[in-house]
C-alpha atoms as a PDB file:
ATOM      1  CA  UNK A   1      -0.101   0.082  -0.114  1.00  0.00           C
ATOM      2  CA  UNK A   2       2.937   2.258   1.100  1.00  0.00           C
ATOM      3  CA  UNK A   3       5.403   1.061  -1.697  1.00  0.00           C
ATOM      4  CA  UNK A   4       5.217   4.525  -3.611  1.00  0.00           C
ATOM      5  CA  UNK A   5       7.044   5.823  -0.231  1.00  0.00           C
ATOM      6  CA  UNK A   6      10.248   3.907  -1.836  1.00  0.00           C
ATOM      7  CA  UNK A   7      10.115   6.098  -4.884  1.00  0.00           C
ATOM      8  CA  UNK A   8      13.061   8.594  -5.136  1.00  0.00           C
ATOM      9  CA  UNK A   9      11.314  12.221  -4.403  1.00  0.00           C
ATOM     10  CA  UNK A  10      12.911  13.411  -8.069  1.00  0.00           C
ATOM     11  CA  UNK A  11      10.681  10.835  -9.913  1.00  0.00           C
ATOM     12  CA  UNK A  12       7.397  11.142  -7.581  1.00  0.00           C
ATOM     13  CA  UNK A  13       6.047  14.324  -9.610  1.00  0.00           C
ATOM     14  CA  UNK A  14       6.510  12.235 -12.796  1.00  0.00           C
ATOM     15  CA  UNK A  15       4.704   9.017 -11.483  1.00  0.00           C
ATOM     16  CA  UNK A  16       1.788  11.303  -9.817  1.00  0.00           C
ATOM     17  CA  UNK A  17       1.480  14.564 -11.221  1.00  0.00           C
ATOM     18  CA  UNK A  18      -2.166  15.218  -9.638  1.00  0.00           C
ATOM     19  CA  UNK A  19      -0.817  14.461  -6.156  1.00  0.00           C
ATOM     20  CA  UNK A  20       1.870  16.600  -6.474  1.00  0.00           C
ATOM     21  CA  UNK A  21       0.235  19.435  -8.174  1.00  0.00           C
ATOM     22  CA  UNK A  22      -2.470  19.132  -5.235  1.00  0.00           C
ATOM     23  CA  UNK A  23       0.353  19.521  -2.559  1.00  0.00           C
ATOM     24  CA  UNK A  24       1.878  22.391  -4.437  1.00  0.00           C
ATOM     25  CA  UNK A  25      -1.201  24.449  -4.928  1.00  0.00           C
ATOM     26  CA  UNK A  26      -1.707  23.975  -0.965  1.00  0.00           C
ATOM     27  CA  UNK A  27       1.800  25.077  -0.037  1.00  0.00           C
ATOM     28  CA  UNK A  28       1.657  28.170  -2.301  1.00  0.00           C
ATOM     29  CA  UNK A  29      -1.460  29.447  -0.818  1.00  0.00           C
ATOM     30  CA  UNK A  30      -0.268  28.867   2.360  1.00  0.00           C
ATOM     31  CA  UNK A  31       2.883  31.108   1.662  1.00  0.00           C
ATOM     32  CA  UNK A  32       0.381  33.496   0.023  1.00  0.00           C
ATOM     33  CA  UNK A  33      -1.688  33.594   3.039  1.00  0.00           C
ATOM     34  CA  UNK A  34       1.208  33.796   5.714  1.00  0.00           C
ATOM     35  CA  UNK A  35       3.165  36.272   3.797  1.00  0.00           C
ATOM     36  CA  UNK A  36       0.064  38.761   3.037  1.00  0.00           C
ATOM     37  CA  UNK A  37       0.589  40.882   5.943  1.00  0.00           C
ATOM     38  CA  UNK A  38      -3.227  40.810   6.501  1.00  0.00           C
ATOM     39  CA  UNK A  39      -2.947  38.938   9.800  1.00  0.00           C
ATOM     40  CA  UNK A  40      -3.685  35.527  10.842  1.00  0.00           C
ATOM     41  CA  UNK A  41      -7.330  35.888  12.374  1.00  0.00           C
ATOM     42  CA  UNK A  42     -10.580  34.636  10.599  1.00  0.00           C
ATOM     43  CA  UNK A  43     -11.152  37.533   8.797  1.00  0.00           C
ATOM     44  CA  UNK A  44      -8.048  36.828   6.699  1.00  0.00           C
ATOM     45  CA  UNK A  45      -9.221  33.153   6.324  1.00  0.00           C
ATOM     46  CA  UNK A  46     -12.275  34.349   4.957  1.00  0.00           C
ATOM     47  CA  UNK A  47     -10.408  36.818   2.419  1.00  0.00           C
ATOM     48  CA  UNK A  48      -8.300  33.379   1.312  1.00  0.00           C
ATOM     49  CA  UNK A  49     -11.353  31.521   0.577  1.00  0.00           C
ATOM     50  CA  UNK A  50     -12.444  29.627   3.791  1.00  0.00           C
ATOM     51  CA  UNK A  51     -15.886  27.923   4.401  1.00  0.00           C
ATOM     52  CA  UNK A  52     -18.245  30.174   5.976  1.00  0.00           C
ATOM     53  CA  UNK A  53     -22.145  29.306   6.456  1.00  0.00           C
ATOM     54  CA  UNK A  54     -23.405  32.661   5.306  1.00  0.00           C
ATOM     55  CA  UNK A  55     -21.197  33.373   2.488  1.00  0.00           C
ATOM     56  CA  UNK A  56     -22.536  29.776   0.785  1.00  0.00           C
ATOM     57  CA  UNK A  57     -25.936  31.180   1.561  1.00  0.00           C
ATOM     58  CA  UNK A  58     -25.021  34.037  -0.272  1.00  0.00           C
ATOM     59  CA  UNK A  59     -23.965  32.238  -3.381  1.00  0.00           C
ATOM     60  CA  UNK A  60     -20.490  31.877  -3.084  1.00  0.00           C
ATOM     61  CA  UNK A  61     -20.263  28.412  -3.862  1.00  0.00           C
ATOM     62  CA  UNK A  62     -16.704  28.377  -4.917  1.00  0.00           C
ATOM     63  CA  UNK A  63     -15.975  28.371  -1.450  1.00  0.00           C
ATOM     64  CA  UNK A  64     -16.843  24.549  -1.340  1.00  0.00           C
ATOM     65  CA  UNK A  65     -13.602  24.408  -3.448  1.00  0.00           C
ATOM     66  CA  UNK A  66     -11.096  26.980  -2.460  1.00  0.00           C
ATOM     67  CA  UNK A  67     -11.619  25.827   1.379  1.00  0.00           C
ATOM     68  CA  UNK A  68      -9.769  22.455   0.466  1.00  0.00           C
ATOM     69  CA  UNK A  69      -6.704  24.290  -0.419  1.00  0.00           C
ATOM     70  CA  UNK A  70      -6.588  26.619   2.242  1.00  0.00           C
ATOM     71  CA  UNK A  71      -4.760  25.645   5.541  1.00  0.00           C
ATOM     72  CA  UNK A  72      -4.013  28.120   8.098  1.00  0.00           C
ATOM     73  CA  UNK A  73      -1.860  26.581  10.386  1.00  0.00           C
ATOM     74  CA  UNK A  74       1.622  24.921   9.616  1.00  0.00           C
ATOM     75  CA  UNK A  75       0.456  21.967  11.531  1.00  0.00           C
ATOM     76  CA  UNK A  76      -2.952  21.754   9.514  1.00  0.00           C
ATOM     77  CA  UNK A  77      -0.707  22.231   5.996  1.00  0.00           C
ATOM     78  CA  UNK A  78       1.787  19.247   7.061  1.00  0.00           C
ATOM     79  CA  UNK A  79      -0.764  16.764   8.360  1.00  0.00           C
ATOM     80  CA  UNK A  80      -3.022  17.253   5.003  1.00  0.00           C
ATOM     81  CA  UNK A  81       0.070  16.885   3.062  1.00  0.00           C
ATOM     82  CA  UNK A  82       1.268  13.518   4.937  1.00  0.00           C
ATOM     83  CA  UNK A  83      -2.032  12.452   4.481  1.00  0.00           C
ATOM     84  CA  UNK A  84      -2.012  12.888   0.856  1.00  0.00           C
ATOM     85  CA  UNK A  85       1.348  11.503   0.442  1.00  0.00           C
ATOM     86  CA  UNK A  86       0.292   8.155   2.247  1.00  0.00           C
ATOM     87  CA  UNK A  87      -3.041   7.732   0.748  1.00  0.00           C
ATOM     88  CA  UNK A  88      -3.364   9.405  -2.463  1.00  0.00           C
ATOM     89  CA  UNK A  89      -0.466   7.960  -4.924  1.00  0.00           C
ATOM     90  CA  UNK A  90      -1.917   4.547  -5.232  1.00  0.00           C
ATOM     91  CA  UNK A  91      -5.361   5.989  -6.054  1.00  0.00           C
ATOM     92  CA  UNK A  92      -4.101   8.235  -8.704  1.00  0.00           C
ATOM     93  CA  UNK A  93      -2.528   5.304 -10.202  1.00  0.00           C
ATOM     94  CA  UNK A  94      -5.478   2.795 -10.152  1.00  0.00           C
ATOM     95  CA  UNK A  95      -7.810   5.339 -11.272  1.00  0.00           C
ATOM     96  CA  UNK A  96      -5.790   7.543 -13.700  1.00  0.00           C
ATOM     97  CA  UNK A  97      -5.249  11.371 -13.121  1.00  0.00           C
ATOM     98  CA  UNK A  98      -8.401  12.736 -14.205  1.00  0.00           C
ATOM     99  CA  UNK A  99     -10.679  10.298 -12.213  1.00  0.00           C
ATOM    100  CA  UNK A 100      -8.591  10.769  -9.357  1.00  0.00           C
ATOM    101  CA  UNK A 101      -8.893  14.317  -9.535  1.00  0.00           C
ATOM    102  CA  UNK A 102     -12.477  14.075  -9.831  1.00  0.00           C
ATOM    103  CA  UNK A 103     -13.136  11.883  -6.969  1.00  0.00           C
ATOM    104  CA  UNK A 104     -10.935  14.017  -4.618  1.00  0.00           C
ATOM    105  CA  UNK A 105     -12.460  17.412  -5.624  1.00  0.00           C
ATOM    106  CA  UNK A 106     -16.188  15.830  -5.512  1.00  0.00           C
ATOM    107  CA  UNK A 107     -15.524  14.352  -2.130  1.00  0.00           C
ATOM    108  CA  UNK A 108     -14.241  17.521  -0.492  1.00  0.00           C
ATOM    109  CA  UNK A 109     -17.180  19.518  -1.908  1.00  0.00           C
ATOM    110  CA  UNK A 110     -19.574  16.620  -1.050  1.00  0.00           C
ATOM    111  CA  UNK A 111     -18.113  17.045   2.620  1.00  0.00           C
ATOM    112  CA  UNK A 112     -18.342  20.643   2.732  1.00  0.00           C
ATOM    113  CA  UNK A 113     -21.909  20.678   1.578  1.00  0.00           C
ATOM    114  CA  UNK A 114     -22.828  18.120   4.266  1.00  0.00           C
ATOM    115  CA  UNK A 115     -21.345  20.764   6.772  1.00  0.00           C
ATOM    116  CA  UNK A 116     -23.217  23.550   5.150  1.00  0.00           C
ATOM    117  CA  UNK A 117     -26.499  21.644   5.657  1.00  0.00           C
ATOM    118  CA  UNK A 118     -25.804  20.987   9.486  1.00  0.00           C
ATOM    119  CA  UNK A 119     -25.423  24.655   9.774  1.00  0.00           C
ATOM    120  CA  UNK A 120     -22.449  24.583  11.529  1.00  0.00           C
ATOM    121  CA  UNK A 121     -21.399  28.145  12.961  1.00  0.00           C
ATOM    122  CA  UNK A 122     -17.655  29.316  12.223  1.00  0.00           C
ATOM    123  CA  UNK A 123     -15.111  29.668   9.663  1.00  0.00           C
ATOM    124  CA  UNK A 124     -13.516  26.180   8.010  1.00  0.00           C
ATOM    125  CA  UNK A 125     -10.247  25.355   6.168  1.00  0.00           C
ATOM    126  CA  UNK A 126      -8.584  22.329   5.078  1.00  0.00           C
ATOM    127  CA  UNK A 127      -8.523  19.294   2.980  1.00  0.00           C
ATOM    128  CA  UNK A 128     -10.134  17.210   5.792  1.00  0.00           C
ATOM    129  CA  UNK A 129     -13.186  16.196   3.711  1.00  0.00           C
ATOM    130  CA  UNK A 130     -11.206  15.358   0.443  1.00  0.00           C
ATOM    131  CA  UNK A 131      -9.061  12.951   2.789  1.00  0.00           C
ATOM    132  CA  UNK A 132     -12.111  11.526   4.194  1.00  0.00           C
ATOM    133  CA  UNK A 133     -13.312  10.588   0.447  1.00  0.00           C
ATOM    134  CA  UNK A 134     -10.162   9.049  -0.030  1.00  0.00           C
ATOM    135  CA  UNK A 135     -10.492   6.722   2.860  1.00  0.00           C
ATOM    136  CA  UNK A 136     -13.811   6.070   1.402  1.00  0.00           C
ATOM    137  CA  UNK A 137     -12.528   4.812  -1.706  1.00  0.00           C
ATOM    138  CA  UNK A 138     -10.150   2.653   0.629  1.00  0.00           C
ATOM    139  CA  UNK A 139     -13.057   1.073   2.534  1.00  0.00           C
ATOM    140  CA  UNK A 140     -14.612  -0.010  -0.780  1.00  0.00           C
ATOM    141  CA  UNK A 141     -11.118  -1.497  -1.642  1.00  0.00           C
ATOM    142  CA  UNK A 142     -10.997  -3.328   1.216  1.00  0.00           C
ATOM    143  CA  UNK A 143     -14.765  -4.694   0.984  1.00  0.00           C
ATOM    144  CA  UNK A 144     -13.774  -5.952  -2.443  1.00  0.00           C
ATOM    145  CA  UNK A 145     -10.728  -7.699  -1.331  1.00  0.00           C
ATOM    146  CA  UNK A 146      -8.331  -5.069  -3.588  1.00  0.00           C
ATOM    147  CA  UNK A 147      -6.083  -4.465  -0.956  1.00  0.00           C
ATOM    148  CA  UNK A 148      -4.591  -6.319   1.845  1.00  0.00           C
ATOM    149  CA  UNK A 149      -7.035  -7.226   4.817  1.00  0.00           C
ATOM    150  CA  UNK A 150      -4.164  -5.787   7.304  1.00  0.00           C
ATOM    151  CA  UNK A 151      -4.087  -2.578   5.376  1.00  0.00           C
ATOM    152  CA  UNK A 152      -8.088  -2.268   5.112  1.00  0.00           C
ATOM    153  CA  UNK A 153      -8.498  -2.927   8.997  1.00  0.00           C
ATOM    154  CA  UNK A 154      -6.009  -0.346   9.495  1.00  0.00           C
ATOM    155  CA  UNK A 155      -7.700   2.409   7.286  1.00  0.00           C
ATOM    156  CA  UNK A 156     -10.870   1.142   9.281  1.00  0.00           C
ATOM    157  CA  UNK A 157      -9.378   2.032  12.482  1.00  0.00           C
ATOM    158  CA  UNK A 158      -7.890   5.073  11.334  1.00  0.00           C
ATOM    159  CA  UNK A 159     -11.403   6.366  10.051  1.00  0.00           C
ATOM    160  CA  UNK A 160     -13.324   5.297  13.350  1.00  0.00           C
ATOM    161  CA  UNK A 161     -10.370   7.188  15.451  1.00  0.00           C
ATOM    162  CA  UNK A 162     -10.983  10.581  13.431  1.00  0.00           C
ATOM    163  CA  UNK A 163     -14.675  10.407  13.263  1.00  0.00           C
ATOM    164  CA  UNK A 164     -14.616   9.965  17.135  1.00  0.00           C
ATOM    165  CA  UNK A 165     -12.615  13.002  17.408  1.00  0.00           C
ATOM    166  CA  UNK A 166     -14.238  15.154  14.760  1.00  0.00           C
ATOM    167  CA  UNK A 167     -17.787  15.024  15.783  1.00  0.00           C
ATOM    168  CA  UNK A 168     -18.325  18.567  15.603  1.00  0.00           C
ATOM    169  CA  UNK A 169     -18.261  18.189  11.606  1.00  0.00           C
ATOM    170  CA  UNK A 170     -19.416  14.530  11.807  1.00  0.00           C
ATOM    171  CA  UNK A 171     -22.013  14.799   9.014  1.00  0.00           C
ATOM    172  CA  UNK A 172     -19.476  16.233   6.705  1.00  0.00           C
ATOM    173  CA  UNK A 173     -16.978  14.045   7.257  1.00  0.00           C
ATOM    174  CA  UNK A 174     -19.810  10.969   6.752  1.00  0.00           C
ATOM    175  CA  UNK A 175     -20.895  12.458   3.560  1.00  0.00           C
ATOM    176  CA  UNK A 176     -17.332  12.775   2.160  1.00  0.00           C
ATOM    177  CA  UNK A 177     -16.599   9.294   3.144  1.00  0.00           C
ATOM    178  CA  UNK A 178     -19.657   7.990   1.466  1.00  0.00           C
ATOM    179  CA  UNK A 179     -19.099   9.819  -1.698  1.00  0.00           C
ATOM    180  CA  UNK A 180     -15.888   8.619  -1.948  1.00  0.00           C
ATOM    181  CA  UNK A 181     -16.845   5.006  -1.085  1.00  0.00           C
ATOM    182  CA  UNK A 182     -19.848   5.293  -3.893  1.00  0.00           C
ATOM    183  CA  UNK A 183     -17.525   6.808  -6.539  1.00  0.00           C
ATOM    184  CA  UNK A 184     -14.809   4.141  -6.139  1.00  0.00           C
ATOM    185  CA  UNK A 185     -17.519   1.478  -6.780  1.00  0.00           C
ATOM    186  CA  UNK A 186     -18.851   3.415  -9.914  1.00  0.00           C
ATOM    187  CA  UNK A 187     -15.264   3.645 -11.086  1.00  0.00           C
ATOM    188  CA  UNK A 188     -14.254   0.106 -10.251  1.00  0.00           C
ATOM    189  CA  UNK A 189     -17.382  -1.132 -12.180  1.00  0.00           C
ATOM    190  CA  UNK A 190     -16.862   0.760 -14.931  1.00  0.00           C
ATOM    191  CA  UNK A 191     -13.301  -0.568 -15.275  1.00  0.00           C
ATOM    192  CA  UNK A 192     -14.295  -4.173 -14.891  1.00  0.00           C
ATOM    193  CA  UNK A 193     -17.063  -3.720 -17.431  1.00  0.00           C
ATOM    194  CA  UNK A 194     -14.393  -2.136 -19.726  1.00  0.00           C
ATOM    195  CA  UNK A 195     -11.991  -4.795 -19.264  1.00  0.00           C
ATOM    196  CA  UNK A 196     -14.758  -7.435 -19.984  1.00  0.00           C
ATOM    197  CA  UNK A 197     -15.498  -5.834 -23.112  1.00  0.00           C
ATOM    198  CA  UNK A 198     -11.636  -5.608 -24.220  1.00  0.00           C
ATOM    199  CA  UNK A 199     -11.533  -9.404 -23.615  1.00  0.00           C
ATOM    200  CA  UNK A 200     -14.501  -9.913 -25.653  1.00  0.00           C
ATOM    201  CA  UNK A 201     -12.971  -8.046 -28.560  1.00  0.00           C
ATOM    202  CA  UNK A 202      -9.952  -9.734 -28.191  1.00  0.00           C
ATOM    203  CA  UNK A 203     -11.940 -13.191 -28.808  1.00  0.00           C
ATOM    204  CA  UNK A 204     -13.550 -12.011 -31.806  1.00  0.00           C
END
């Protein structure tokens, strides 16, 4: 599951361009925020695209995407970066660049939409919802026996642990997790049907 960690750093961007791009965008946005000189409070977070309930109500739906790339603390940036590095590359390899990006963004947007529906008060940032979406993908892969059972149990424990400590945004996390699970099911089924069709064509 983590064999990509053995790949030399210089080759990582070539093999996993989407994951690399997401991490770089997060770093650039963090540097822009940090060096902006506008302060480090919630007001600045909002200026840089953070999720805010009433802003979404006013039609600023783009915040459902921008909030995925905004991290306002170094620890938050590092945690999301490490999570991406550990969980995302093998999914980009499995699904392909565009499909992986679609899953990542859809799960993240769905998660933030779930937060919006629960009327949570406050300013929220970070790629947590997209990461939950990726974990949902892994849960489906574990259910299908496509990853090692030990890895599947590790992901399940990781999910349960994080949900237990993320109760304030629990519904959003569950929506993101479910979105990743369902999208994985759809894409895997499509790949399976496509593979069966290719085999039939080979026999004709």
